Every structure is written in C-alpha cells, then in structure tokens.
All heavy atoms as atom14 arrays in JSON, in Angstrom:
{
  "sequence": "EIAFFTDAATRTATARTLEEVELYELGETQFQRLQFEDPSFGLAVMRT",
  "atom14_mask": [
    [1, 1, 1, 1, 1, 1, 1, 1, 1, 0, 0, 0, 0, 0],
    [1, 1, 1, 1, 1, 1, 1, 1, 0, 0, 0, 0, 0, 0],
    [1, 1, 1, 1, 1, 0, 0, 0, 0, 0, 0, 0, 0, 0],
    [1, 1, 1, 1, 1, 1, 1, 1, 1, 1, 1, 0, 0, 0],
    [1, 1, 1, 1, 1, 1, 1, 1, 1, 1, 1, 0, 0, 0],
    [1, 1, 1, 1, 1, 1, 1, 0, 0, 0, 0, 0, 0, 0],
    [1, 1, 1, 1, 1, 1, 1, 1, 0, 0, 0, 0, 0, 0],
    [1, 1, 1, 1, 1, 0, 0, 0, 0, 0, 0, 0, 0, 0],
    [1, 1, 1, 1, 1, 0, 0, 0, 0, 0, 0, 0, 0, 0],
    [1, 1, 1, 1, 1, 1, 1, 0, 0, 0, 0, 0, 0, 0],
    [1, 1, 1, 1, 1, 1, 1, 1, 1, 1, 1, 0, 0, 0],
    [1, 1, 1, 1, 1, 1, 1, 0, 0, 0, 0, 0, 0, 0],
    [1, 1, 1, 1, 1, 0, 0, 0, 0, 0, 0, 0, 0, 0],
    [1, 1, 1, 1, 1, 1, 1, 0, 0, 0, 0, 0, 0, 0],
    [1, 1, 1, 1, 1, 0, 0, 0, 0, 0, 0, 0, 0, 0],
    [1, 1, 1, 1, 1, 1, 1, 1, 1, 1, 1, 0, 0, 0],
    [1, 1, 1, 1, 1, 1, 1, 0, 0, 0, 0, 0, 0, 0],
    [1, 1, 1, 1, 1, 1, 1, 1, 0, 0, 0, 0, 0, 0],
    [1, 1, 1, 1, 1, 1, 1, 1, 1, 0, 0, 0, 0, 0],
    [1, 1, 1, 1, 1, 1, 1, 1, 1, 0, 0, 0, 0, 0],
    [1, 1, 1, 1, 1, 1, 1, 0, 0, 0, 0, 0, 0, 0],
    [1, 1, 1, 1, 1, 1, 1, 1, 1, 0, 0, 0, 0, 0],
    [1, 1, 1, 1, 1, 1, 1, 1, 0, 0, 0, 0, 0, 0],
    [1, 1, 1, 1, 1, 1, 1, 1, 1, 1, 1, 1, 0, 0],
    [1, 1, 1, 1, 1, 1, 1, 1, 1, 0, 0, 0, 0, 0],
    [1, 1, 1, 1, 1, 1, 1, 1, 0, 0, 0, 0, 0, 0],
    [1, 1, 1, 1, 0, 0, 0, 0, 0, 0, 0, 0, 0, 0],
    [1, 1, 1, 1, 1, 1, 1, 1, 1, 0, 0, 0, 0, 0],
    [1, 1, 1, 1, 1, 1, 1, 0, 0, 0, 0, 0, 0, 0],
    [1, 1, 1, 1, 1, 1, 1, 1, 1, 0, 0, 0, 0, 0],
    [1, 1, 1, 1, 1, 1, 1, 1, 1, 1, 1, 0, 0, 0],
    [1, 1, 1, 1, 1, 1, 1, 1, 1, 0, 0, 0, 0, 0],
    [1, 1, 1, 1, 1, 1, 1, 1, 1, 1, 1, 0, 0, 0],
    [1, 1, 1, 1, 1, 1, 1, 1, 0, 0, 0, 0, 0, 0],
    [1, 1, 1, 1, 1, 1, 1, 1, 1, 0, 0, 0, 0, 0],
    [1, 1, 1, 1, 1, 1, 1, 1, 1, 1, 1, 0, 0, 0],
    [1, 1, 1, 1, 1, 1, 1, 1, 1, 0, 0, 0, 0, 0],
    [1, 1, 1, 1, 1, 1, 1, 1, 0, 0, 0, 0, 0, 0],
    [1, 1, 1, 1, 1, 1, 1, 0, 0, 0, 0, 0, 0, 0],
    [1, 1, 1, 1, 1, 1, 0, 0, 0, 0, 0, 0, 0, 0],
    [1, 1, 1, 1, 1, 1, 1, 1, 1, 1, 1, 0, 0, 0],
    [1, 1, 1, 1, 0, 0, 0, 0, 0, 0, 0, 0, 0, 0],
    [1, 1, 1, 1, 1, 1, 1, 1, 0, 0, 0, 0, 0, 0],
    [1, 1, 1, 1, 1, 0, 0, 0, 0, 0, 0, 0, 0, 0],
    [1, 1, 1, 1, 1, 1, 1, 0, 0, 0, 0, 0, 0, 0],
    [1, 1, 1, 1, 1, 1, 1, 1, 0, 0, 0, 0, 0, 0],
    [1, 1, 1, 1, 1, 1, 1, 1, 1, 1, 1, 0, 0, 0],
    [1, 1, 1, 1, 1, 1, 1, 0, 0, 0, 0, 0, 0, 0]
  ],
  "atom14_positions": [
    [[230.64, 54.79, 292.46], [229.27, 54.4, 292.82], [228.63, 55.46, 293.5], [227.38, 55.58, 293.52], [229.33, 53.14, 293.6], [229.61, 53.26, 295.14], [231.14, 53.53, 295.36], [231.94, 53.41, 294.41], [231.49, 53.92, 296.41], [0.0, 0.0, 0.0], [0.0, 0.0, 0.0], [0.0, 0.0, 0.0], [0.0, 0.0, 0.0], [0.0, 0.0, 0.0]],
    [[229.3, 56.38, 294.3], [228.71, 57.35, 295.18], [227.83, 58.33, 294.38], [226.77, 58.69, 294.83], [229.7, 58.03, 296.04], [230.4, 57.14, 297.08], [229.11, 59.29, 296.8], [231.46, 57.54, 297.9], [0.0, 0.0, 0.0], [0.0, 0.0, 0.0], [0.0, 0.0, 0.0], [0.0, 0.0, 0.0], [0.0, 0.0, 0.0], [0.0, 0.0, 0.0]],
    [[228.27, 58.67, 293.17], [227.59, 59.71, 292.37], [226.13, 59.13, 292.06], [225.32, 59.81, 291.74], [228.44, 59.84, 291.1], [0.0, 0.0, 0.0], [0.0, 0.0, 0.0], [0.0, 0.0, 0.0], [0.0, 0.0, 0.0], [0.0, 0.0, 0.0], [0.0, 0.0, 0.0], [0.0, 0.0, 0.0], [0.0, 0.0, 0.0], [0.0, 0.0, 0.0]],
    [[225.86, 57.79, 291.91], [224.62, 57.24, 291.68], [223.7, 57.61, 292.81], [222.32, 57.5, 292.54], [224.68, 55.75, 291.59], [225.17, 55.37, 290.14], [225.83, 54.09, 290.1], [225.07, 55.95, 289.14], [226.37, 53.65, 288.78], [225.5, 55.63, 287.84], [226.13, 54.49, 287.71], [0.0, 0.0, 0.0], [0.0, 0.0, 0.0], [0.0, 0.0, 0.0]],
    [[224.16, 57.92, 293.98], [223.32, 58.21, 295.06], [223.14, 59.67, 295.38], [222.59, 60.08, 296.49], [223.79, 57.43, 296.36], [223.81, 55.95, 296.09], [224.98, 55.34, 295.68], [222.68, 55.23, 296.37], [224.98, 53.94, 295.55], [222.65, 53.83, 296.25], [223.83, 53.13, 295.89], [0.0, 0.0, 0.0], [0.0, 0.0, 0.0], [0.0, 0.0, 0.0]],
    [[223.58, 60.68, 294.64], [223.56, 62.04, 294.89], [222.39, 62.61, 294.04], [222.11, 62.12, 292.89], [224.81, 62.67, 294.62], [225.12, 62.65, 293.09], [226.02, 62.2, 295.29], [0.0, 0.0, 0.0], [0.0, 0.0, 0.0], [0.0, 0.0, 0.0], [0.0, 0.0, 0.0], [0.0, 0.0, 0.0], [0.0, 0.0, 0.0], [0.0, 0.0, 0.0]],
    [[221.75, 63.69, 294.57], [220.76, 64.42, 293.8], [221.32, 65.01, 292.57], [220.62, 65.06, 291.48], [220.07, 65.32, 294.79], [219.23, 64.67, 295.77], [218.89, 63.6, 295.69], [219.08, 65.38, 296.96], [0.0, 0.0, 0.0], [0.0, 0.0, 0.0], [0.0, 0.0, 0.0], [0.0, 0.0, 0.0], [0.0, 0.0, 0.0], [0.0, 0.0, 0.0]],
    [[222.48, 65.52, 292.67], [223.02, 66.22, 291.45], [223.5, 65.31, 290.43], [223.55, 65.59, 289.22], [224.23, 67.09, 291.93], [0.0, 0.0, 0.0], [0.0, 0.0, 0.0], [0.0, 0.0, 0.0], [0.0, 0.0, 0.0], [0.0, 0.0, 0.0], [0.0, 0.0, 0.0], [0.0, 0.0, 0.0], [0.0, 0.0, 0.0], [0.0, 0.0, 0.0]],
    [[223.62, 64.03, 290.64], [224.05, 62.95, 289.68], [225.31, 63.46, 288.93], [225.52, 63.31, 287.84], [223.05, 62.68, 288.71], [0.0, 0.0, 0.0], [0.0, 0.0, 0.0], [0.0, 0.0, 0.0], [0.0, 0.0, 0.0], [0.0, 0.0, 0.0], [0.0, 0.0, 0.0], [0.0, 0.0, 0.0], [0.0, 0.0, 0.0], [0.0, 0.0, 0.0]],
    [[226.35, 63.99, 289.75], [227.56, 64.34, 289.17], [228.77, 63.72, 290.09], [228.55, 63.36, 291.24], [227.78, 65.95, 289.22], [227.69, 66.35, 290.49], [226.74, 66.65, 288.3], [0.0, 0.0, 0.0], [0.0, 0.0, 0.0], [0.0, 0.0, 0.0], [0.0, 0.0, 0.0], [0.0, 0.0, 0.0], [0.0, 0.0, 0.0], [0.0, 0.0, 0.0]],
    [[229.88, 63.58, 289.35], [231.08, 63.06, 290.07], [231.47, 63.86, 291.26], [231.59, 65.24, 291.18], [232.22, 62.85, 289.04], [231.82, 61.86, 287.82], [231.8, 60.45, 288.43], [231.4, 59.55, 287.35], [231.09, 58.21, 287.52], [230.95, 57.83, 288.74], [230.86, 57.46, 286.53], [0.0, 0.0, 0.0], [0.0, 0.0, 0.0], [0.0, 0.0, 0.0]],
    [[231.78, 63.26, 292.31], [232.3, 63.95, 293.54], [233.89, 63.97, 293.56], [234.31, 64.7, 294.54], [231.73, 63.28, 294.81], [232.17, 61.88, 294.91], [230.08, 63.23, 294.75], [0.0, 0.0, 0.0], [0.0, 0.0, 0.0], [0.0, 0.0, 0.0], [0.0, 0.0, 0.0], [0.0, 0.0, 0.0], [0.0, 0.0, 0.0], [0.0, 0.0, 0.0]],
    [[234.48, 63.33, 292.83], [236.04, 63.37, 292.73], [236.4, 62.88, 291.27], [235.68, 62.53, 290.53], [236.5, 62.38, 293.85], [0.0, 0.0, 0.0], [0.0, 0.0, 0.0], [0.0, 0.0, 0.0], [0.0, 0.0, 0.0], [0.0, 0.0, 0.0], [0.0, 0.0, 0.0], [0.0, 0.0, 0.0], [0.0, 0.0, 0.0], [0.0, 0.0, 0.0]],
    [[237.76, 63.18, 291.12], [238.44, 62.78, 289.85], [239.07, 61.42, 289.97], [239.7, 61.17, 291.12], [239.48, 63.77, 289.5], [238.79, 64.99, 289.21], [240.16, 63.43, 288.18], [0.0, 0.0, 0.0], [0.0, 0.0, 0.0], [0.0, 0.0, 0.0], [0.0, 0.0, 0.0], [0.0, 0.0, 0.0], [0.0, 0.0, 0.0], [0.0, 0.0, 0.0]],
    [[239.03, 60.54, 289.19], [239.7, 59.22, 289.22], [240.67, 59.14, 288.1], [240.34, 59.31, 286.98], [238.69, 58.01, 289.1], [0.0, 0.0, 0.0], [0.0, 0.0, 0.0], [0.0, 0.0, 0.0], [0.0, 0.0, 0.0], [0.0, 0.0, 0.0], [0.0, 0.0, 0.0], [0.0, 0.0, 0.0], [0.0, 0.0, 0.0], [0.0, 0.0, 0.0]],
    [[241.88, 58.67, 288.49], [243.02, 58.58, 287.52], [243.68, 57.24, 287.73], [243.94, 56.91, 288.92], [244.0, 59.78, 287.72], [245.17, 59.76, 286.73], [246.26, 60.81, 287.14], [245.53, 62.15, 287.15], [245.38, 63.05, 286.08], [245.94, 62.54, 284.91], [244.97, 64.16, 286.21], [0.0, 0.0, 0.0], [0.0, 0.0, 0.0], [0.0, 0.0, 0.0]],
    [[244.13, 56.61, 286.66], [244.93, 55.35, 286.81], [246.26, 55.51, 287.17], [246.85, 56.54, 286.58], [244.71, 54.57, 285.35], [245.33, 55.37, 284.47], [243.29, 54.21, 284.92], [0.0, 0.0, 0.0], [0.0, 0.0, 0.0], [0.0, 0.0, 0.0], [0.0, 0.0, 0.0], [0.0, 0.0, 0.0], [0.0, 0.0, 0.0], [0.0, 0.0, 0.0]],
    [[246.82, 54.77, 288.02], [248.2, 54.79, 288.41], [249.07, 53.95, 287.6], [250.29, 54.16, 287.68], [248.26, 54.54, 289.93], [247.51, 55.5, 290.89], [247.58, 54.98, 292.27], [248.11, 56.89, 290.72], [0.0, 0.0, 0.0], [0.0, 0.0, 0.0], [0.0, 0.0, 0.0], [0.0, 0.0, 0.0], [0.0, 0.0, 0.0], [0.0, 0.0, 0.0]],
    [[248.47, 53.01, 286.97], [249.19, 52.08, 286.15], [248.16, 51.36, 285.13], [247.07, 51.71, 285.16], [249.86, 50.9, 287.0], [248.91, 50.15, 287.73], [249.53, 49.26, 288.9], [250.35, 49.68, 289.56], [249.21, 48.03, 288.85], [0.0, 0.0, 0.0], [0.0, 0.0, 0.0], [0.0, 0.0, 0.0], [0.0, 0.0, 0.0], [0.0, 0.0, 0.0]],
    [[248.59, 50.57, 284.31], [247.56, 50.02, 283.34], [246.7, 49.22, 284.14], [246.95, 48.34, 285.11], [248.33, 49.19, 282.28], [247.32, 48.54, 281.32], [248.01, 47.54, 280.35], [248.21, 46.34, 280.67], [248.44, 48.02, 279.34], [0.0, 0.0, 0.0], [0.0, 0.0, 0.0], [0.0, 0.0, 0.0], [0.0, 0.0, 0.0], [0.0, 0.0, 0.0]],
    [[245.35, 49.34, 283.81], [244.28, 48.7, 284.67], [243.3, 47.93, 283.68], [243.14, 48.24, 282.63], [243.48, 49.71, 285.53], [244.39, 50.46, 286.48], [242.74, 50.7, 284.65], [0.0, 0.0, 0.0], [0.0, 0.0, 0.0], [0.0, 0.0, 0.0], [0.0, 0.0, 0.0], [0.0, 0.0, 0.0], [0.0, 0.0, 0.0], [0.0, 0.0, 0.0]],
    [[242.71, 47.0, 284.31], [241.6, 46.24, 283.76], [240.43, 46.59, 284.53], [240.29, 46.49, 285.79], [241.84, 44.72, 283.95], [240.62, 43.91, 283.32], [240.89, 42.44, 283.72], [241.38, 42.13, 284.79], [240.46, 41.52, 282.93], [0.0, 0.0, 0.0], [0.0, 0.0, 0.0], [0.0, 0.0, 0.0], [0.0, 0.0, 0.0], [0.0, 0.0, 0.0]],
    [[239.36, 47.12, 283.78], [238.14, 47.65, 284.39], [236.86, 46.97, 283.82], [237.01, 46.38, 282.65], [238.08, 49.2, 284.06], [238.98, 50.28, 284.59], [238.61, 51.65, 284.19], [238.84, 50.1, 286.13], [0.0, 0.0, 0.0], [0.0, 0.0, 0.0], [0.0, 0.0, 0.0], [0.0, 0.0, 0.0], [0.0, 0.0, 0.0], [0.0, 0.0, 0.0]],
    [[235.84, 46.91, 284.63], [234.57, 46.47, 284.14], [233.62, 47.53, 284.46], [233.3, 47.93, 285.54], [234.22, 45.15, 284.74], [235.18, 43.87, 284.59], [236.33, 43.73, 285.36], [234.75, 43.05, 283.55], [237.11, 42.71, 284.92], [235.6, 41.9, 283.29], [236.78, 41.83, 283.93], [237.53, 40.83, 283.74], [0.0, 0.0, 0.0], [0.0, 0.0, 0.0]],
    [[233.03, 48.05, 283.33], [232.13, 49.23, 283.47], [230.66, 48.74, 283.54], [230.28, 47.74, 282.78], [232.26, 50.15, 282.23], [233.63, 50.74, 282.05], [233.7, 51.5, 280.75], [232.81, 51.36, 279.93], [234.62, 52.3, 280.69], [0.0, 0.0, 0.0], [0.0, 0.0, 0.0], [0.0, 0.0, 0.0], [0.0, 0.0, 0.0], [0.0, 0.0, 0.0]],
    [[229.94, 49.31, 284.35], [228.51, 48.96, 284.54], [227.63, 50.26, 284.43], [227.87, 51.2, 285.36], [228.31, 48.24, 285.86], [227.02, 47.52, 286.17], [226.78, 46.29, 285.29], [226.77, 47.03, 287.63], [0.0, 0.0, 0.0], [0.0, 0.0, 0.0], [0.0, 0.0, 0.0], [0.0, 0.0, 0.0], [0.0, 0.0, 0.0], [0.0, 0.0, 0.0]],
    [[226.75, 50.3, 283.62], [225.81, 51.55, 283.45], [224.7, 51.53, 284.52], [224.5, 50.52, 285.33], [0.0, 0.0, 0.0], [0.0, 0.0, 0.0], [0.0, 0.0, 0.0], [0.0, 0.0, 0.0], [0.0, 0.0, 0.0], [0.0, 0.0, 0.0], [0.0, 0.0, 0.0], [0.0, 0.0, 0.0], [0.0, 0.0, 0.0], [0.0, 0.0, 0.0]],
    [[224.18, 52.64, 284.68], [223.21, 52.97, 285.81], [222.03, 51.87, 285.72], [221.54, 51.45, 286.72], [222.7, 54.36, 285.84], [221.81, 54.72, 286.97], [221.54, 55.91, 287.22], [221.87, 56.82, 286.27], [220.96, 56.51, 288.2], [0.0, 0.0, 0.0], [0.0, 0.0, 0.0], [0.0, 0.0, 0.0], [0.0, 0.0, 0.0], [0.0, 0.0, 0.0]],
    [[221.45, 51.78, 284.51], [220.4, 50.85, 284.33], [220.71, 49.37, 284.75], [219.99, 48.7, 285.46], [219.88, 50.84, 282.88], [219.52, 52.12, 282.48], [218.75, 49.88, 282.58], [0.0, 0.0, 0.0], [0.0, 0.0, 0.0], [0.0, 0.0, 0.0], [0.0, 0.0, 0.0], [0.0, 0.0, 0.0], [0.0, 0.0, 0.0], [0.0, 0.0, 0.0]],
    [[221.91, 48.85, 284.35], [222.36, 47.65, 284.79], [222.45, 47.53, 286.23], [222.23, 46.53, 286.93], [223.62, 47.19, 284.07], [223.41, 46.93, 282.48], [224.68, 46.66, 281.87], [225.68, 47.54, 281.95], [224.82, 45.52, 281.14], [0.0, 0.0, 0.0], [0.0, 0.0, 0.0], [0.0, 0.0, 0.0], [0.0, 0.0, 0.0], [0.0, 0.0, 0.0]],
    [[222.99, 48.62, 286.79], [223.42, 48.67, 288.22], [222.12, 48.61, 289.07], [221.85, 47.8, 289.97], [224.09, 50.07, 288.52], [224.14, 50.34, 289.94], [224.95, 49.57, 290.81], [223.48, 51.38, 290.5], [225.1, 49.95, 292.09], [223.48, 51.6, 291.92], [224.34, 50.94, 292.77], [0.0, 0.0, 0.0], [0.0, 0.0, 0.0], [0.0, 0.0, 0.0]],
    [[220.96, 49.37, 288.6], [219.71, 49.37, 289.28], [219.13, 47.83, 289.18], [218.5, 47.31, 290.16], [218.71, 50.31, 288.71], [219.25, 51.72, 288.89], [219.17, 52.21, 290.31], [218.58, 51.52, 291.2], [219.69, 53.25, 290.52], [0.0, 0.0, 0.0], [0.0, 0.0, 0.0], [0.0, 0.0, 0.0], [0.0, 0.0, 0.0], [0.0, 0.0, 0.0]],
    [[219.3, 47.17, 288.05], [218.67, 45.88, 287.83], [219.48, 44.76, 288.77], [218.79, 43.97, 289.28], [218.83, 45.39, 286.4], [218.13, 44.15, 286.09], [217.99, 43.99, 284.52], [219.44, 43.91, 283.87], [219.68, 44.19, 282.58], [218.65, 44.78, 281.92], [220.83, 44.09, 282.23], [0.0, 0.0, 0.0], [0.0, 0.0, 0.0], [0.0, 0.0, 0.0]],
    [[220.72, 44.94, 288.84], [221.57, 44.05, 289.56], [221.11, 44.22, 291.03], [221.01, 43.11, 291.87], [222.97, 44.27, 289.46], [223.64, 43.55, 288.28], [225.13, 43.87, 288.27], [223.6, 42.02, 288.41], [0.0, 0.0, 0.0], [0.0, 0.0, 0.0], [0.0, 0.0, 0.0], [0.0, 0.0, 0.0], [0.0, 0.0, 0.0], [0.0, 0.0, 0.0]],
    [[220.91, 45.41, 291.47], [220.58, 45.69, 292.92], [219.15, 44.94, 293.15], [218.91, 44.32, 294.38], [220.37, 47.07, 293.18], [221.67, 47.8, 293.37], [221.49, 49.19, 294.17], [221.69, 49.28, 295.29], [220.93, 50.09, 293.41], [0.0, 0.0, 0.0], [0.0, 0.0, 0.0], [0.0, 0.0, 0.0], [0.0, 0.0, 0.0], [0.0, 0.0, 0.0]],
    [[218.25, 44.91, 292.23], [216.95, 44.25, 292.37], [217.01, 42.83, 292.35], [216.48, 42.1, 293.18], [216.03, 44.77, 291.28], [214.73, 44.08, 291.36], [213.75, 44.63, 292.26], [214.36, 43.08, 290.4], [212.51, 43.85, 292.31], [213.16, 42.6, 290.43], [212.24, 42.9, 291.31], [0.0, 0.0, 0.0], [0.0, 0.0, 0.0], [0.0, 0.0, 0.0]],
    [[217.93, 42.27, 291.47], [218.1, 40.72, 291.16], [218.89, 40.07, 292.24], [218.6, 38.9, 292.59], [218.54, 40.54, 289.79], [217.7, 41.0, 288.72], [218.21, 40.7, 287.31], [219.39, 40.35, 287.32], [217.48, 40.92, 286.31], [0.0, 0.0, 0.0], [0.0, 0.0, 0.0], [0.0, 0.0, 0.0], [0.0, 0.0, 0.0], [0.0, 0.0, 0.0]],
    [[219.85, 40.77, 292.71], [220.89, 40.11, 293.72], [220.98, 41.06, 294.88], [221.71, 41.97, 294.9], [222.16, 40.01, 292.98], [223.16, 39.08, 293.85], [222.79, 38.9, 295.05], [224.09, 38.68, 293.27], [0.0, 0.0, 0.0], [0.0, 0.0, 0.0], [0.0, 0.0, 0.0], [0.0, 0.0, 0.0], [0.0, 0.0, 0.0], [0.0, 0.0, 0.0]],
    [[220.23, 40.73, 295.93], [220.09, 41.55, 297.21], [221.63, 41.58, 297.83], [222.01, 42.62, 298.45], [219.25, 40.91, 298.08], [218.33, 40.22, 297.31], [219.13, 39.69, 296.16], [0.0, 0.0, 0.0], [0.0, 0.0, 0.0], [0.0, 0.0, 0.0], [0.0, 0.0, 0.0], [0.0, 0.0, 0.0], [0.0, 0.0, 0.0], [0.0, 0.0, 0.0]],
    [[222.46, 40.48, 297.69], [223.8, 40.58, 298.19], [224.61, 41.58, 297.55], [225.56, 42.21, 298.19], [224.51, 39.21, 298.13], [224.52, 38.86, 296.74], [0.0, 0.0, 0.0], [0.0, 0.0, 0.0], [0.0, 0.0, 0.0], [0.0, 0.0, 0.0], [0.0, 0.0, 0.0], [0.0, 0.0, 0.0], [0.0, 0.0, 0.0], [0.0, 0.0, 0.0]],
    [[224.42, 41.75, 296.21], [225.24, 42.76, 295.54], [224.8, 44.24, 296.03], [225.69, 45.06, 296.25], [224.87, 42.77, 294.06], [225.46, 43.86, 293.26], [226.69, 44.01, 293.01], [224.59, 44.92, 292.77], [227.22, 45.07, 292.26], [225.01, 46.02, 292.02], [226.47, 46.05, 291.71], [0.0, 0.0, 0.0], [0.0, 0.0, 0.0], [0.0, 0.0, 0.0]],
    [[223.46, 44.43, 296.22], [223.04, 45.69, 296.73], [223.54, 46.03, 297.95], [223.9, 47.12, 298.42], [0.0, 0.0, 0.0], [0.0, 0.0, 0.0], [0.0, 0.0, 0.0], [0.0, 0.0, 0.0], [0.0, 0.0, 0.0], [0.0, 0.0, 0.0], [0.0, 0.0, 0.0], [0.0, 0.0, 0.0], [0.0, 0.0, 0.0], [0.0, 0.0, 0.0]],
    [[223.56, 45.04, 298.96], [224.16, 45.17, 300.29], [225.61, 45.43, 300.34], [226.11, 46.38, 301.08], [223.77, 43.91, 301.12], [222.42, 43.68, 301.63], [222.2, 42.3, 302.24], [222.03, 44.83, 302.71], [0.0, 0.0, 0.0], [0.0, 0.0, 0.0], [0.0, 0.0, 0.0], [0.0, 0.0, 0.0], [0.0, 0.0, 0.0], [0.0, 0.0, 0.0]],
    [[226.33, 44.76, 299.39], [227.77, 45.02, 299.36], [228.0, 46.52, 298.94], [228.87, 47.19, 299.3], [228.32, 44.06, 298.33], [0.0, 0.0, 0.0], [0.0, 0.0, 0.0], [0.0, 0.0, 0.0], [0.0, 0.0, 0.0], [0.0, 0.0, 0.0], [0.0, 0.0, 0.0], [0.0, 0.0, 0.0], [0.0, 0.0, 0.0], [0.0, 0.0, 0.0]],
    [[227.31, 47.05, 297.85], [227.43, 48.41, 297.38], [227.13, 49.28, 298.62], [227.87, 50.29, 298.77], [226.52, 48.72, 296.23], [226.59, 50.13, 295.94], [226.99, 47.79, 294.97], [0.0, 0.0, 0.0], [0.0, 0.0, 0.0], [0.0, 0.0, 0.0], [0.0, 0.0, 0.0], [0.0, 0.0, 0.0], [0.0, 0.0, 0.0], [0.0, 0.0, 0.0]],
    [[225.89, 49.17, 299.26], [225.54, 50.07, 300.3], [226.66, 50.04, 301.51], [226.91, 51.12, 302.06], [224.2, 49.75, 300.85], [223.05, 49.88, 299.95], [223.05, 51.61, 299.17], [222.88, 52.5, 300.64], [0.0, 0.0, 0.0], [0.0, 0.0, 0.0], [0.0, 0.0, 0.0], [0.0, 0.0, 0.0], [0.0, 0.0, 0.0], [0.0, 0.0, 0.0]],
    [[227.23, 48.88, 301.73], [228.17, 48.7, 302.84], [229.41, 49.57, 302.46], [230.04, 50.37, 303.28], [228.61, 47.41, 303.12], [227.39, 46.5, 303.92], [227.74, 45.14, 303.91], [228.97, 44.78, 304.59], [229.46, 43.7, 304.82], [228.95, 42.59, 304.15], [230.63, 43.54, 305.48], [0.0, 0.0, 0.0], [0.0, 0.0, 0.0], [0.0, 0.0, 0.0]],
    [[229.81, 49.43, 301.1], [230.96, 50.22, 300.59], [230.75, 51.68, 300.67], [231.6, 52.42, 301.1], [231.32, 49.7, 299.16], [231.59, 48.27, 299.24], [232.54, 50.41, 298.65], [0.0, 0.0, 0.0], [0.0, 0.0, 0.0], [0.0, 0.0, 0.0], [0.0, 0.0, 0.0], [0.0, 0.0, 0.0], [0.0, 0.0, 0.0], [0.0, 0.0, 0.0]]
  ]
}
C-alpha cells in the first residue's frame, strides 16, 4: 500500500511468499473508491 502514496509510484521493497498464501488483490482505482465510500477503511490504511 505504501507505493500508492509515493510520487514515483514504484515499489519500495520486494515481497516474497514464505509459504502457500491466499491473497486478495485490489487495484488502485478500486482502492481510491473504497477510501471514498468507506472512511473506516481509509483510516485503517492510513494508520497502517
């Protein structure tokens, strides 16, 4: 999520799975819409 808030819009680190994982992917457009529609989600992201 941090890369969404940088001017360069690039990843600041590498992420690697340590075991089989279940992921849920959210695109930037959906991310922006969720922040607008659900303030509790936006606050949770900013706190993180």
